[in-house]
N, C-alpha and C. Protein backbone atom coordinates (compact mmCIF):
# COMPACT_ATOMS: atom_id res chain seq x y z
N MET A 1 32.80 32.15 -26.85
CA MET A 1 33.96 33.04 -26.83
C MET A 1 34.33 33.34 -25.38
N SER A 2 35.61 33.23 -25.05
CA SER A 2 36.06 33.49 -23.69
C SER A 2 36.09 34.98 -23.41
N PHE A 3 36.21 35.35 -22.12
CA PHE A 3 36.30 36.75 -21.73
C PHE A 3 37.51 37.42 -22.38
N GLN A 4 38.63 36.69 -22.43
CA GLN A 4 39.83 37.25 -23.07
C GLN A 4 39.61 37.49 -24.55
N ASP A 5 38.94 36.53 -25.22
CA ASP A 5 38.65 36.69 -26.64
C ASP A 5 37.75 37.90 -26.89
N GLU A 6 36.76 38.09 -26.00
CA GLU A 6 35.86 39.23 -26.14
C GLU A 6 36.63 40.54 -26.00
N ASN A 7 37.55 40.59 -25.02
CA ASN A 7 38.35 41.80 -24.82
C ASN A 7 39.21 42.09 -26.05
N GLU A 8 39.82 41.04 -26.60
CA GLU A 8 40.68 41.22 -27.77
C GLU A 8 39.88 41.66 -28.98
N ALA A 9 38.67 41.09 -29.15
CA ALA A 9 37.82 41.49 -30.27
C ALA A 9 37.39 42.94 -30.13
N GLY A 10 37.06 43.34 -28.89
CA GLY A 10 36.67 44.73 -28.65
C GLY A 10 37.81 45.69 -28.92
N ALA A 11 39.00 45.31 -28.50
CA ALA A 11 40.18 46.15 -28.73
C ALA A 11 40.47 46.28 -30.21
N SER A 12 40.31 45.17 -30.95
CA SER A 12 40.54 45.20 -32.39
C SER A 12 39.55 46.12 -33.09
N LEU A 13 38.28 46.06 -32.70
CA LEU A 13 37.25 46.90 -33.30
C LEU A 13 37.50 48.37 -32.95
N THR A 14 37.87 48.62 -31.71
CA THR A 14 38.21 49.99 -31.29
C THR A 14 39.33 50.55 -32.14
N SER A 15 40.37 49.75 -32.38
CA SER A 15 41.51 50.19 -33.19
C SER A 15 41.08 50.46 -34.62
N ARG A 16 40.21 49.61 -35.16
CA ARG A 16 39.75 49.78 -36.54
C ARG A 16 38.95 51.07 -36.69
N ILE A 17 38.09 51.32 -35.72
CA ILE A 17 37.29 52.56 -35.76
C ILE A 17 38.21 53.78 -35.64
N ALA A 18 39.14 53.72 -34.70
CA ALA A 18 40.06 54.85 -34.49
C ALA A 18 40.90 55.11 -35.74
N ARG A 19 41.39 54.03 -36.38
CA ARG A 19 42.21 54.20 -37.59
C ARG A 19 41.39 54.83 -38.72
N SER A 20 40.15 54.36 -38.88
CA SER A 20 39.31 54.86 -39.96
C SER A 20 38.99 56.34 -39.76
N LEU A 21 38.59 56.71 -38.56
CA LEU A 21 38.26 58.12 -38.29
C LEU A 21 39.52 58.99 -38.38
N SER A 22 40.63 58.46 -37.89
CA SER A 22 41.89 59.21 -37.96
C SER A 22 42.25 59.54 -39.39
N GLN A 23 42.12 58.57 -40.29
CA GLN A 23 42.45 58.79 -41.70
C GLN A 23 41.54 59.85 -42.31
N ARG A 24 40.27 59.83 -41.96
CA ARG A 24 39.33 60.82 -42.50
C ARG A 24 39.66 62.22 -42.01
N ILE A 25 40.07 62.31 -40.75
CA ILE A 25 40.43 63.62 -40.18
C ILE A 25 41.72 64.13 -40.80
N LEU A 26 42.71 63.24 -40.91
CA LEU A 26 44.01 63.65 -41.43
C LEU A 26 43.93 64.15 -42.86
N THR A 27 43.10 63.51 -43.67
CA THR A 27 43.00 63.88 -45.08
C THR A 27 41.97 64.98 -45.34
N GLY A 28 41.26 65.40 -44.30
CA GLY A 28 40.28 66.46 -44.47
C GLY A 28 38.90 66.00 -44.86
N ALA A 29 38.70 64.67 -44.99
CA ALA A 29 37.36 64.16 -45.30
C ALA A 29 36.39 64.52 -44.17
N LEU A 30 36.89 64.55 -42.94
CA LEU A 30 36.15 65.11 -41.82
C LEU A 30 36.78 66.46 -41.51
N ALA A 31 36.04 67.53 -41.75
CA ALA A 31 36.59 68.88 -41.65
C ALA A 31 36.72 69.33 -40.20
N PRO A 32 37.61 70.28 -39.94
CA PRO A 32 37.72 70.85 -38.59
C PRO A 32 36.37 71.39 -38.12
N GLY A 33 36.00 71.03 -36.90
CA GLY A 33 34.73 71.47 -36.33
C GLY A 33 33.55 70.58 -36.65
N ALA A 34 33.73 69.60 -37.54
CA ALA A 34 32.61 68.73 -37.91
C ALA A 34 32.20 67.85 -36.73
N ALA A 35 30.90 67.68 -36.55
CA ALA A 35 30.39 66.83 -35.48
C ALA A 35 30.64 65.37 -35.83
N VAL A 36 31.01 64.58 -34.82
CA VAL A 36 31.20 63.14 -35.00
C VAL A 36 30.25 62.46 -34.02
N ARG A 37 29.18 61.89 -34.56
CA ARG A 37 28.11 61.33 -33.72
C ARG A 37 28.42 59.88 -33.36
N GLN A 38 28.36 59.60 -32.06
CA GLN A 38 28.64 58.26 -31.58
C GLN A 38 27.69 57.24 -32.18
N ASP A 39 26.40 57.57 -32.27
CA ASP A 39 25.43 56.61 -32.78
C ASP A 39 25.64 56.34 -34.27
N HIS A 40 26.05 57.39 -35.01
CA HIS A 40 26.31 57.20 -36.44
C HIS A 40 27.52 56.29 -36.67
N VAL A 41 28.56 56.53 -35.89
CA VAL A 41 29.78 55.71 -36.03
C VAL A 41 29.48 54.27 -35.63
N ALA A 42 28.74 54.09 -34.55
CA ALA A 42 28.39 52.74 -34.10
C ALA A 42 27.61 52.00 -35.18
N ALA A 43 26.66 52.69 -35.83
CA ALA A 43 25.87 52.06 -36.89
C ALA A 43 26.74 51.71 -38.10
N GLU A 44 27.68 52.60 -38.45
CA GLU A 44 28.54 52.35 -39.60
C GLU A 44 29.37 51.09 -39.41
N PHE A 45 29.88 50.90 -38.21
CA PHE A 45 30.79 49.77 -37.95
C PHE A 45 30.06 48.57 -37.34
N GLY A 46 28.75 48.67 -37.17
CA GLY A 46 28.02 47.57 -36.56
C GLY A 46 28.51 47.27 -35.16
N ALA A 47 28.79 48.33 -34.41
CA ALA A 47 29.41 48.18 -33.09
C ALA A 47 28.49 48.73 -32.01
N SER A 48 28.74 48.29 -30.78
CA SER A 48 28.08 48.91 -29.64
C SER A 48 28.76 50.25 -29.37
N HIS A 49 28.22 50.99 -28.42
CA HIS A 49 28.81 52.30 -28.12
C HIS A 49 30.12 52.19 -27.36
N VAL A 50 30.40 51.03 -26.77
CA VAL A 50 31.62 50.89 -25.95
C VAL A 50 32.89 51.05 -26.79
N PRO A 51 33.10 50.28 -27.87
CA PRO A 51 34.32 50.48 -28.65
C PRO A 51 34.38 51.85 -29.33
N VAL A 52 33.22 52.44 -29.65
CA VAL A 52 33.20 53.77 -30.25
C VAL A 52 33.70 54.80 -29.24
N ARG A 53 33.21 54.71 -28.00
CA ARG A 53 33.68 55.63 -26.96
C ARG A 53 35.18 55.50 -26.75
N GLU A 54 35.68 54.25 -26.75
CA GLU A 54 37.11 54.03 -26.57
C GLU A 54 37.91 54.62 -27.73
N ALA A 55 37.38 54.47 -28.95
CA ALA A 55 38.04 55.05 -30.13
C ALA A 55 38.07 56.57 -30.02
N PHE A 56 36.96 57.16 -29.57
CA PHE A 56 36.91 58.61 -29.39
C PHE A 56 37.95 59.07 -28.38
N ARG A 57 38.10 58.32 -27.29
CA ARG A 57 39.09 58.69 -26.28
C ARG A 57 40.49 58.66 -26.86
N THR A 58 40.77 57.63 -27.67
CA THR A 58 42.08 57.53 -28.33
C THR A 58 42.34 58.75 -29.21
N LEU A 59 41.35 59.14 -30.00
CA LEU A 59 41.52 60.26 -30.93
C LEU A 59 41.59 61.60 -30.18
N GLU A 60 40.90 61.70 -29.06
CA GLU A 60 41.02 62.91 -28.23
C GLU A 60 42.44 63.02 -27.68
N ALA A 61 42.99 61.89 -27.22
CA ALA A 61 44.36 61.89 -26.69
C ALA A 61 45.36 62.28 -27.77
N GLN A 62 45.06 61.97 -29.02
CA GLN A 62 45.94 62.32 -30.14
C GLN A 62 45.71 63.74 -30.65
N GLY A 63 44.74 64.43 -30.06
CA GLY A 63 44.47 65.80 -30.48
C GLY A 63 43.65 65.93 -31.74
N LEU A 64 43.00 64.84 -32.16
CA LEU A 64 42.22 64.87 -33.40
C LEU A 64 40.75 65.15 -33.16
N LEU A 65 40.24 64.81 -31.98
CA LEU A 65 38.86 65.10 -31.59
C LEU A 65 38.85 65.92 -30.31
N VAL A 66 37.78 66.68 -30.14
CA VAL A 66 37.56 67.39 -28.88
C VAL A 66 36.14 67.12 -28.43
N SER A 67 35.95 67.03 -27.14
CA SER A 67 34.63 66.83 -26.56
C SER A 67 34.24 68.10 -25.83
N GLU A 68 33.10 68.69 -26.21
CA GLU A 68 32.68 69.96 -25.65
C GLU A 68 31.29 69.84 -25.04
N PRO A 69 31.09 70.42 -23.85
CA PRO A 69 29.76 70.38 -23.23
C PRO A 69 28.70 70.97 -24.14
N ARG A 70 27.59 70.26 -24.28
CA ARG A 70 26.43 70.67 -25.07
C ARG A 70 26.69 70.69 -26.58
N ARG A 71 27.92 70.45 -27.00
CA ARG A 71 28.22 70.40 -28.43
C ARG A 71 28.63 69.00 -28.87
N GLY A 72 28.93 68.14 -27.93
CA GLY A 72 29.32 66.78 -28.26
C GLY A 72 30.75 66.69 -28.76
N VAL A 73 31.02 65.63 -29.50
CA VAL A 73 32.36 65.37 -30.01
C VAL A 73 32.51 65.96 -31.40
N ARG A 74 33.60 66.70 -31.60
CA ARG A 74 33.85 67.34 -32.88
C ARG A 74 35.30 67.14 -33.30
N VAL A 75 35.54 67.30 -34.59
CA VAL A 75 36.92 67.29 -35.09
C VAL A 75 37.63 68.52 -34.55
N ALA A 76 38.82 68.31 -34.01
CA ALA A 76 39.57 69.42 -33.41
C ALA A 76 39.87 70.49 -34.45
N PRO A 77 39.82 71.76 -34.06
CA PRO A 77 40.14 72.84 -34.99
C PRO A 77 41.63 72.85 -35.32
N LEU A 78 41.96 73.49 -36.43
CA LEU A 78 43.36 73.65 -36.83
C LEU A 78 43.87 74.96 -36.24
N GLU A 79 44.50 74.89 -35.09
CA GLU A 79 44.96 76.07 -34.38
C GLU A 79 46.47 76.25 -34.56
N PRO A 80 46.92 77.44 -35.00
CA PRO A 80 48.36 77.68 -35.13
C PRO A 80 49.12 77.42 -33.83
N GLY A 81 48.52 77.77 -32.70
CA GLY A 81 49.18 77.54 -31.42
C GLY A 81 49.41 76.06 -31.15
N LEU A 82 48.45 75.23 -31.57
CA LEU A 82 48.60 73.79 -31.38
C LEU A 82 49.71 73.25 -32.27
N VAL A 83 49.83 73.79 -33.49
CA VAL A 83 50.92 73.38 -34.39
C VAL A 83 52.26 73.59 -33.70
N LEU A 84 52.45 74.77 -33.12
CA LEU A 84 53.73 75.09 -32.47
C LEU A 84 53.95 74.20 -31.24
N GLU A 85 52.88 73.93 -30.50
CA GLU A 85 53.01 73.06 -29.33
C GLU A 85 53.41 71.64 -29.72
N VAL A 86 52.72 71.11 -30.74
CA VAL A 86 53.00 69.75 -31.19
C VAL A 86 54.42 69.63 -31.74
N THR A 87 54.84 70.62 -32.53
CA THR A 87 56.19 70.52 -33.11
C THR A 87 57.27 70.71 -32.06
N ALA A 88 57.01 71.53 -31.05
CA ALA A 88 57.98 71.67 -29.96
C ALA A 88 58.14 70.35 -29.21
N MET A 89 57.01 69.67 -28.97
CA MET A 89 57.06 68.37 -28.30
C MET A 89 57.77 67.34 -29.18
N ARG A 90 57.43 67.34 -30.47
CA ARG A 90 58.09 66.40 -31.39
C ARG A 90 59.59 66.61 -31.42
N ALA A 91 60.00 67.86 -31.53
CA ALA A 91 61.44 68.15 -31.61
C ALA A 91 62.16 67.63 -30.37
N ALA A 92 61.59 67.90 -29.20
CA ALA A 92 62.24 67.47 -27.96
C ALA A 92 62.30 65.94 -27.87
N LEU A 93 61.19 65.28 -28.18
CA LEU A 93 61.13 63.83 -28.00
C LEU A 93 61.88 63.07 -29.08
N GLU A 94 61.85 63.56 -30.32
CA GLU A 94 62.59 62.86 -31.38
C GLU A 94 64.09 63.02 -31.19
N VAL A 95 64.52 64.18 -30.72
CA VAL A 95 65.95 64.35 -30.42
C VAL A 95 66.35 63.44 -29.27
N LEU A 96 65.50 63.33 -28.26
CA LEU A 96 65.77 62.40 -27.15
C LEU A 96 65.90 60.98 -27.67
N ALA A 97 64.97 60.55 -28.51
CA ALA A 97 65.01 59.19 -29.06
C ALA A 97 66.26 58.98 -29.90
N LEU A 98 66.62 59.99 -30.71
CA LEU A 98 67.81 59.87 -31.55
C LEU A 98 69.06 59.72 -30.69
N ARG A 99 69.18 60.54 -29.66
CA ARG A 99 70.37 60.46 -28.79
C ARG A 99 70.44 59.11 -28.07
N ARG A 100 69.29 58.65 -27.55
CA ARG A 100 69.29 57.37 -26.82
C ARG A 100 69.58 56.20 -27.75
N GLY A 101 69.11 56.28 -28.98
CA GLY A 101 69.29 55.16 -29.89
C GLY A 101 70.57 55.20 -30.69
N PHE A 102 71.28 56.34 -30.67
CA PHE A 102 72.46 56.49 -31.52
C PHE A 102 73.50 55.38 -31.34
N PRO A 103 73.80 54.95 -30.10
CA PRO A 103 74.78 53.86 -29.96
C PRO A 103 74.37 52.56 -30.65
N ARG A 104 73.07 52.38 -30.88
CA ARG A 104 72.57 51.16 -31.52
C ARG A 104 72.16 51.39 -32.97
N LEU A 105 72.33 52.58 -33.47
CA LEU A 105 71.97 52.89 -34.85
C LEU A 105 72.92 52.13 -35.78
N ALA A 106 72.36 51.28 -36.63
CA ALA A 106 73.17 50.39 -37.46
C ALA A 106 72.96 50.68 -38.94
N ALA A 107 73.77 50.03 -39.76
CA ALA A 107 73.69 50.23 -41.21
C ALA A 107 72.28 50.00 -41.78
N PRO A 108 71.56 48.95 -41.37
CA PRO A 108 70.20 48.75 -41.90
C PRO A 108 69.26 49.92 -41.58
N ASP A 109 69.43 50.54 -40.41
CA ASP A 109 68.61 51.70 -40.06
C ASP A 109 68.89 52.87 -41.00
N LEU A 110 70.17 53.09 -41.27
CA LEU A 110 70.55 54.18 -42.18
C LEU A 110 70.09 53.88 -43.61
N GLU A 111 70.13 52.62 -43.99
CA GLU A 111 69.64 52.23 -45.32
C GLU A 111 68.13 52.46 -45.43
N GLU A 112 67.41 52.15 -44.37
CA GLU A 112 65.97 52.39 -44.36
C GLU A 112 65.67 53.88 -44.46
N ALA A 113 66.45 54.70 -43.76
CA ALA A 113 66.27 56.15 -43.83
C ALA A 113 66.53 56.65 -45.25
N ALA A 114 67.59 56.13 -45.88
CA ALA A 114 67.91 56.54 -47.25
C ALA A 114 66.81 56.10 -48.21
N ALA A 115 66.27 54.92 -48.02
CA ALA A 115 65.20 54.42 -48.88
C ALA A 115 63.95 55.29 -48.75
N ALA A 116 63.69 55.75 -47.53
CA ALA A 116 62.53 56.62 -47.31
C ALA A 116 62.70 57.95 -48.04
N ILE A 117 63.91 58.49 -48.01
CA ILE A 117 64.18 59.73 -48.74
C ILE A 117 63.97 59.50 -50.24
N ALA A 118 64.51 58.41 -50.75
CA ALA A 118 64.37 58.10 -52.18
C ALA A 118 62.91 57.96 -52.56
N GLU A 119 62.12 57.33 -51.71
CA GLU A 119 60.69 57.15 -52.00
C GLU A 119 59.99 58.51 -52.05
N SER A 120 60.32 59.39 -51.13
CA SER A 120 59.67 60.70 -51.09
C SER A 120 60.01 61.53 -52.32
N GLU A 121 61.18 61.29 -52.89
CA GLU A 121 61.61 62.07 -54.05
C GLU A 121 60.97 61.61 -55.35
N THR A 122 60.37 60.43 -55.33
CA THR A 122 59.81 59.88 -56.57
C THR A 122 58.33 60.21 -56.75
N SER A 123 57.72 60.89 -55.79
CA SER A 123 56.28 61.15 -55.88
C SER A 123 55.96 62.57 -55.41
N ASP A 124 55.03 63.20 -56.11
CA ASP A 124 54.52 64.50 -55.70
C ASP A 124 53.22 64.36 -54.91
N ALA A 125 52.77 63.13 -54.71
CA ALA A 125 51.53 62.90 -53.96
C ALA A 125 51.80 63.08 -52.48
N VAL A 126 51.03 63.94 -51.84
CA VAL A 126 51.31 64.27 -50.45
C VAL A 126 51.13 63.07 -49.53
N LEU A 127 50.18 62.18 -49.83
CA LEU A 127 49.98 61.00 -48.98
C LEU A 127 51.20 60.08 -49.03
N VAL A 128 51.77 59.90 -50.22
CA VAL A 128 52.97 59.08 -50.36
C VAL A 128 54.13 59.74 -49.64
N TRP A 129 54.27 61.05 -49.85
CA TRP A 129 55.38 61.77 -49.24
C TRP A 129 55.30 61.72 -47.71
N GLU A 130 54.10 61.93 -47.17
CA GLU A 130 53.95 61.95 -45.72
C GLU A 130 54.29 60.60 -45.11
N ALA A 131 53.88 59.51 -45.76
CA ALA A 131 54.20 58.17 -45.26
C ALA A 131 55.72 57.94 -45.30
N ALA A 132 56.36 58.39 -46.38
CA ALA A 132 57.82 58.24 -46.48
C ALA A 132 58.52 59.10 -45.43
N ASN A 133 57.97 60.26 -45.16
CA ASN A 133 58.53 61.14 -44.14
C ASN A 133 58.52 60.46 -42.78
N ARG A 134 57.39 59.84 -42.45
CA ARG A 134 57.32 59.12 -41.16
C ARG A 134 58.28 57.95 -41.13
N ARG A 135 58.46 57.27 -42.28
CA ARG A 135 59.44 56.17 -42.35
C ARG A 135 60.84 56.65 -42.01
N PHE A 136 61.20 57.81 -42.57
CA PHE A 136 62.53 58.36 -42.30
C PHE A 136 62.71 58.63 -40.81
N HIS A 137 61.76 59.34 -40.22
CA HIS A 137 61.88 59.70 -38.80
C HIS A 137 61.88 58.46 -37.92
N HIS A 138 61.08 57.46 -38.29
CA HIS A 138 61.05 56.23 -37.49
C HIS A 138 62.38 55.48 -37.59
N ALA A 139 62.96 55.46 -38.78
CA ALA A 139 64.21 54.72 -38.98
C ALA A 139 65.33 55.22 -38.07
N ILE A 140 65.39 56.54 -37.86
CA ILE A 140 66.50 57.08 -37.08
C ILE A 140 66.19 57.17 -35.58
N THR A 141 64.92 57.02 -35.20
CA THR A 141 64.58 57.10 -33.77
C THR A 141 64.24 55.76 -33.15
N ALA A 142 63.80 54.78 -33.95
CA ALA A 142 63.37 53.48 -33.42
C ALA A 142 64.46 52.74 -32.66
N PRO A 143 65.77 52.88 -33.03
CA PRO A 143 66.79 52.14 -32.29
C PRO A 143 66.85 52.45 -30.80
N CYS A 144 66.20 53.51 -30.34
CA CYS A 144 66.20 53.80 -28.90
C CYS A 144 65.50 52.69 -28.13
N GLY A 145 64.56 52.01 -28.78
CA GLY A 145 63.87 50.88 -28.14
C GLY A 145 62.92 51.28 -27.03
N MET A 146 62.62 52.56 -26.89
CA MET A 146 61.74 53.04 -25.81
C MET A 146 60.31 53.12 -26.38
N GLN A 147 59.53 52.09 -26.13
CA GLN A 147 58.26 51.94 -26.81
C GLN A 147 57.25 53.03 -26.46
N ARG A 148 57.20 53.45 -25.22
CA ARG A 148 56.27 54.52 -24.85
C ARG A 148 56.66 55.83 -25.53
N LEU A 149 57.94 56.10 -25.54
CA LEU A 149 58.44 57.30 -26.20
C LEU A 149 58.09 57.27 -27.68
N LEU A 150 58.33 56.15 -28.33
CA LEU A 150 58.06 56.02 -29.76
C LEU A 150 56.56 56.12 -30.05
N ALA A 151 55.73 55.57 -29.17
CA ALA A 151 54.28 55.66 -29.37
C ALA A 151 53.81 57.11 -29.25
N THR A 152 54.39 57.84 -28.30
CA THR A 152 54.03 59.26 -28.15
C THR A 152 54.46 60.05 -29.37
N ILE A 153 55.66 59.77 -29.86
CA ILE A 153 56.15 60.45 -31.08
C ILE A 153 55.22 60.15 -32.25
N GLU A 154 54.79 58.90 -32.37
CA GLU A 154 53.90 58.52 -33.47
C GLU A 154 52.58 59.29 -33.41
N ASP A 155 52.03 59.46 -32.20
CA ASP A 155 50.80 60.23 -32.04
C ASP A 155 51.01 61.68 -32.47
N LEU A 156 52.14 62.26 -32.08
CA LEU A 156 52.44 63.64 -32.44
C LEU A 156 52.64 63.79 -33.95
N GLN A 157 53.28 62.81 -34.56
CA GLN A 157 53.48 62.85 -36.01
C GLN A 157 52.15 62.77 -36.74
N ARG A 158 51.22 61.99 -36.20
CA ARG A 158 49.90 61.87 -36.81
C ARG A 158 49.18 63.22 -36.77
N THR A 159 49.30 63.91 -35.66
CA THR A 159 48.70 65.24 -35.56
C THR A 159 49.39 66.21 -36.51
N SER A 160 50.71 66.14 -36.59
CA SER A 160 51.45 67.01 -37.52
C SER A 160 51.03 66.76 -38.96
N ALA A 161 50.76 65.51 -39.29
CA ALA A 161 50.35 65.18 -40.66
C ALA A 161 49.06 65.90 -41.02
N ARG A 162 48.17 66.04 -40.08
CA ARG A 162 46.91 66.75 -40.34
C ARG A 162 47.17 68.20 -40.73
N PHE A 163 48.10 68.84 -40.03
CA PHE A 163 48.44 70.22 -40.37
C PHE A 163 49.06 70.30 -41.77
N LEU A 164 49.90 69.32 -42.09
CA LEU A 164 50.52 69.29 -43.41
C LEU A 164 49.47 69.15 -44.51
N PHE A 165 48.54 68.21 -44.34
CA PHE A 165 47.52 67.98 -45.35
C PHE A 165 46.66 69.22 -45.57
N ALA A 166 46.51 70.04 -44.52
CA ALA A 166 45.67 71.24 -44.62
C ALA A 166 46.37 72.38 -45.34
N THR A 167 47.71 72.35 -45.42
CA THR A 167 48.44 73.52 -45.93
C THR A 167 49.42 73.20 -47.06
N TRP A 168 49.58 71.93 -47.43
CA TRP A 168 50.68 71.56 -48.32
C TRP A 168 50.62 72.24 -49.68
N ARG A 169 49.44 72.55 -50.18
CA ARG A 169 49.33 73.19 -51.50
C ARG A 169 49.94 74.59 -51.52
N GLU A 170 50.05 75.20 -50.34
CA GLU A 170 50.55 76.57 -50.25
C GLU A 170 52.01 76.63 -49.81
N LEU A 171 52.63 75.48 -49.58
CA LEU A 171 54.01 75.45 -49.08
C LEU A 171 54.94 74.76 -50.06
N ASP A 172 56.14 75.31 -50.18
CA ASP A 172 57.18 74.64 -50.97
C ASP A 172 57.92 73.68 -50.04
N TRP A 173 57.18 72.65 -49.58
CA TRP A 173 57.63 71.82 -48.47
C TRP A 173 58.58 70.72 -48.90
N GLN A 174 58.41 70.17 -50.11
CA GLN A 174 59.11 68.94 -50.45
C GLN A 174 60.62 69.10 -50.64
N PRO A 175 61.11 70.02 -51.47
CA PRO A 175 62.56 70.11 -51.68
C PRO A 175 63.33 70.43 -50.40
N ARG A 176 62.80 71.36 -49.60
CA ARG A 176 63.50 71.74 -48.37
C ARG A 176 63.56 70.58 -47.39
N SER A 177 62.44 69.90 -47.21
CA SER A 177 62.40 68.79 -46.25
C SER A 177 63.35 67.68 -46.66
N GLU A 178 63.38 67.35 -47.95
CA GLU A 178 64.26 66.28 -48.41
C GLU A 178 65.73 66.66 -48.24
N ALA A 179 66.06 67.93 -48.49
CA ALA A 179 67.44 68.38 -48.29
C ALA A 179 67.84 68.28 -46.82
N GLU A 180 66.91 68.62 -45.93
CA GLU A 180 67.20 68.54 -44.50
C GLU A 180 67.33 67.09 -44.04
N HIS A 181 66.50 66.21 -44.60
CA HIS A 181 66.63 64.78 -44.29
C HIS A 181 68.01 64.26 -44.71
N ARG A 182 68.46 64.68 -45.88
CA ARG A 182 69.77 64.23 -46.37
C ARG A 182 70.90 64.76 -45.48
N GLN A 183 70.74 65.97 -44.97
CA GLN A 183 71.75 66.52 -44.07
C GLN A 183 71.82 65.71 -42.78
N ILE A 184 70.65 65.40 -42.21
CA ILE A 184 70.61 64.60 -40.98
C ILE A 184 71.25 63.24 -41.22
N LEU A 185 70.90 62.60 -42.33
CA LEU A 185 71.44 61.28 -42.64
C LEU A 185 72.95 61.34 -42.83
N ALA A 186 73.43 62.37 -43.49
CA ALA A 186 74.88 62.50 -43.72
C ALA A 186 75.63 62.63 -42.39
N GLU A 187 75.08 63.39 -41.46
CA GLU A 187 75.72 63.53 -40.14
C GLU A 187 75.74 62.20 -39.40
N LEU A 188 74.65 61.46 -39.48
CA LEU A 188 74.58 60.17 -38.78
C LEU A 188 75.55 59.17 -39.39
N ARG A 189 75.69 59.19 -40.70
CA ARG A 189 76.61 58.26 -41.36
C ARG A 189 78.06 58.50 -40.96
N THR A 190 78.38 59.72 -40.63
CA THR A 190 79.76 60.03 -40.21
C THR A 190 79.92 60.00 -38.70
N GLY A 191 78.85 59.58 -38.00
CA GLY A 191 78.94 59.42 -36.55
C GLY A 191 78.89 60.71 -35.77
N ARG A 192 78.33 61.77 -36.38
CA ARG A 192 78.29 63.08 -35.73
C ARG A 192 76.90 63.30 -35.12
N ILE A 193 76.74 62.84 -33.88
CA ILE A 193 75.42 62.88 -33.26
C ILE A 193 74.98 64.29 -32.92
N GLU A 194 75.87 65.15 -32.46
CA GLU A 194 75.45 66.50 -32.07
C GLU A 194 74.94 67.31 -33.26
N PRO A 195 75.68 67.38 -34.38
CA PRO A 195 75.13 68.08 -35.54
C PRO A 195 73.84 67.43 -36.06
N ALA A 196 73.76 66.11 -35.99
CA ALA A 196 72.54 65.42 -36.44
C ALA A 196 71.35 65.79 -35.55
N ALA A 197 71.56 65.80 -34.25
CA ALA A 197 70.49 66.14 -33.31
C ALA A 197 70.04 67.59 -33.51
N GLN A 198 71.00 68.48 -33.70
CA GLN A 198 70.66 69.89 -33.93
C GLN A 198 69.90 70.06 -35.24
N ALA A 199 70.34 69.35 -36.28
CA ALA A 199 69.66 69.45 -37.57
C ALA A 199 68.24 68.90 -37.48
N LEU A 200 68.05 67.81 -36.73
CA LEU A 200 66.71 67.23 -36.57
C LEU A 200 65.80 68.20 -35.83
N GLU A 201 66.29 68.79 -34.77
CA GLU A 201 65.49 69.74 -33.99
C GLU A 201 65.07 70.93 -34.85
N THR A 202 66.03 71.51 -35.57
CA THR A 202 65.74 72.66 -36.42
C THR A 202 64.75 72.29 -37.52
N HIS A 203 64.94 71.13 -38.11
CA HIS A 203 64.06 70.63 -39.18
C HIS A 203 62.61 70.58 -38.72
N ILE A 204 62.36 70.03 -37.56
CA ILE A 204 60.99 69.89 -37.05
C ILE A 204 60.41 71.25 -36.66
N LEU A 205 61.19 72.06 -35.94
CA LEU A 205 60.69 73.35 -35.46
C LEU A 205 60.39 74.31 -36.61
N GLU A 206 61.27 74.36 -37.61
CA GLU A 206 61.06 75.27 -38.73
C GLU A 206 59.85 74.86 -39.56
N ALA A 207 59.65 73.55 -39.72
CA ALA A 207 58.46 73.07 -40.42
C ALA A 207 57.20 73.49 -39.68
N GLY A 208 57.23 73.38 -38.36
CA GLY A 208 56.08 73.80 -37.55
C GLY A 208 55.78 75.28 -37.69
N LYS A 209 56.83 76.09 -37.70
CA LYS A 209 56.63 77.54 -37.85
C LYS A 209 55.99 77.86 -39.20
N ALA A 210 56.45 77.18 -40.25
CA ALA A 210 55.89 77.42 -41.59
C ALA A 210 54.42 77.04 -41.65
N LEU A 211 54.08 75.90 -41.06
CA LEU A 211 52.68 75.45 -41.05
C LEU A 211 51.80 76.41 -40.25
N ALA A 212 52.29 76.83 -39.07
CA ALA A 212 51.52 77.75 -38.23
C ALA A 212 51.30 79.08 -38.93
N THR A 213 52.31 79.57 -39.62
CA THR A 213 52.19 80.84 -40.34
C THR A 213 51.13 80.76 -41.42
N LYS A 214 51.10 79.64 -42.17
CA LYS A 214 50.12 79.47 -43.22
C LYS A 214 48.70 79.36 -42.65
N LEU A 215 48.55 78.64 -41.54
CA LEU A 215 47.23 78.53 -40.93
C LEU A 215 46.74 79.88 -40.44
N LEU A 216 47.64 80.66 -39.86
CA LEU A 216 47.28 81.99 -39.36
C LEU A 216 46.88 82.90 -40.52
N ALA A 217 47.61 82.83 -41.62
CA ALA A 217 47.32 83.68 -42.78
C ALA A 217 46.00 83.32 -43.45
N SER A 218 45.58 82.06 -43.33
CA SER A 218 44.36 81.61 -44.01
C SER A 218 43.11 81.93 -43.22
N ARG A 219 43.27 82.45 -42.01
CA ARG A 219 42.08 82.77 -41.19
C ARG A 219 41.37 84.00 -41.72
């Protein structure tokens, strides 16, 4: 195996470990504050500690893990303040992406957004709904073509999903979110970028406030 092949294999394993741990954290299989042992993860995936450390760094950057002196690596706590921070960042960056991509927003993008709304309306399963929600947001922001911006938005959405999974049973989240998605889509279809951008910003920020309020009340 060449040096390049080894690097690619290591990167692939790191991604697989990060995806697996991310899914467990997002769905609550790994609870807030739970210890995540490097040696245990390495044994599970048959990996050396190098790709595990890289996966941990990725998840720390996404706000899913925290590294604490003398306590090791743990699942990040569900903090109301973090919810508000993440949603404020999402609102700013998704509106930026929408504005930059609006001149290139085409009929297939709007059709994809509509299909995502339709998919979310056909299921009460939160995992299905959350995936459709991300499809909708990606459809209207991806035309910006700014890959770093989109990658950052994706990381923030992943963190937001964790908050949703922790509180969705206590929130009447589905009807309101779908109505707001339809409003945003209607504005975009008529070429009204300013109302669409404002609706998107309000949609994200209000959802964040609702999630933060529920987390605070559950303490």
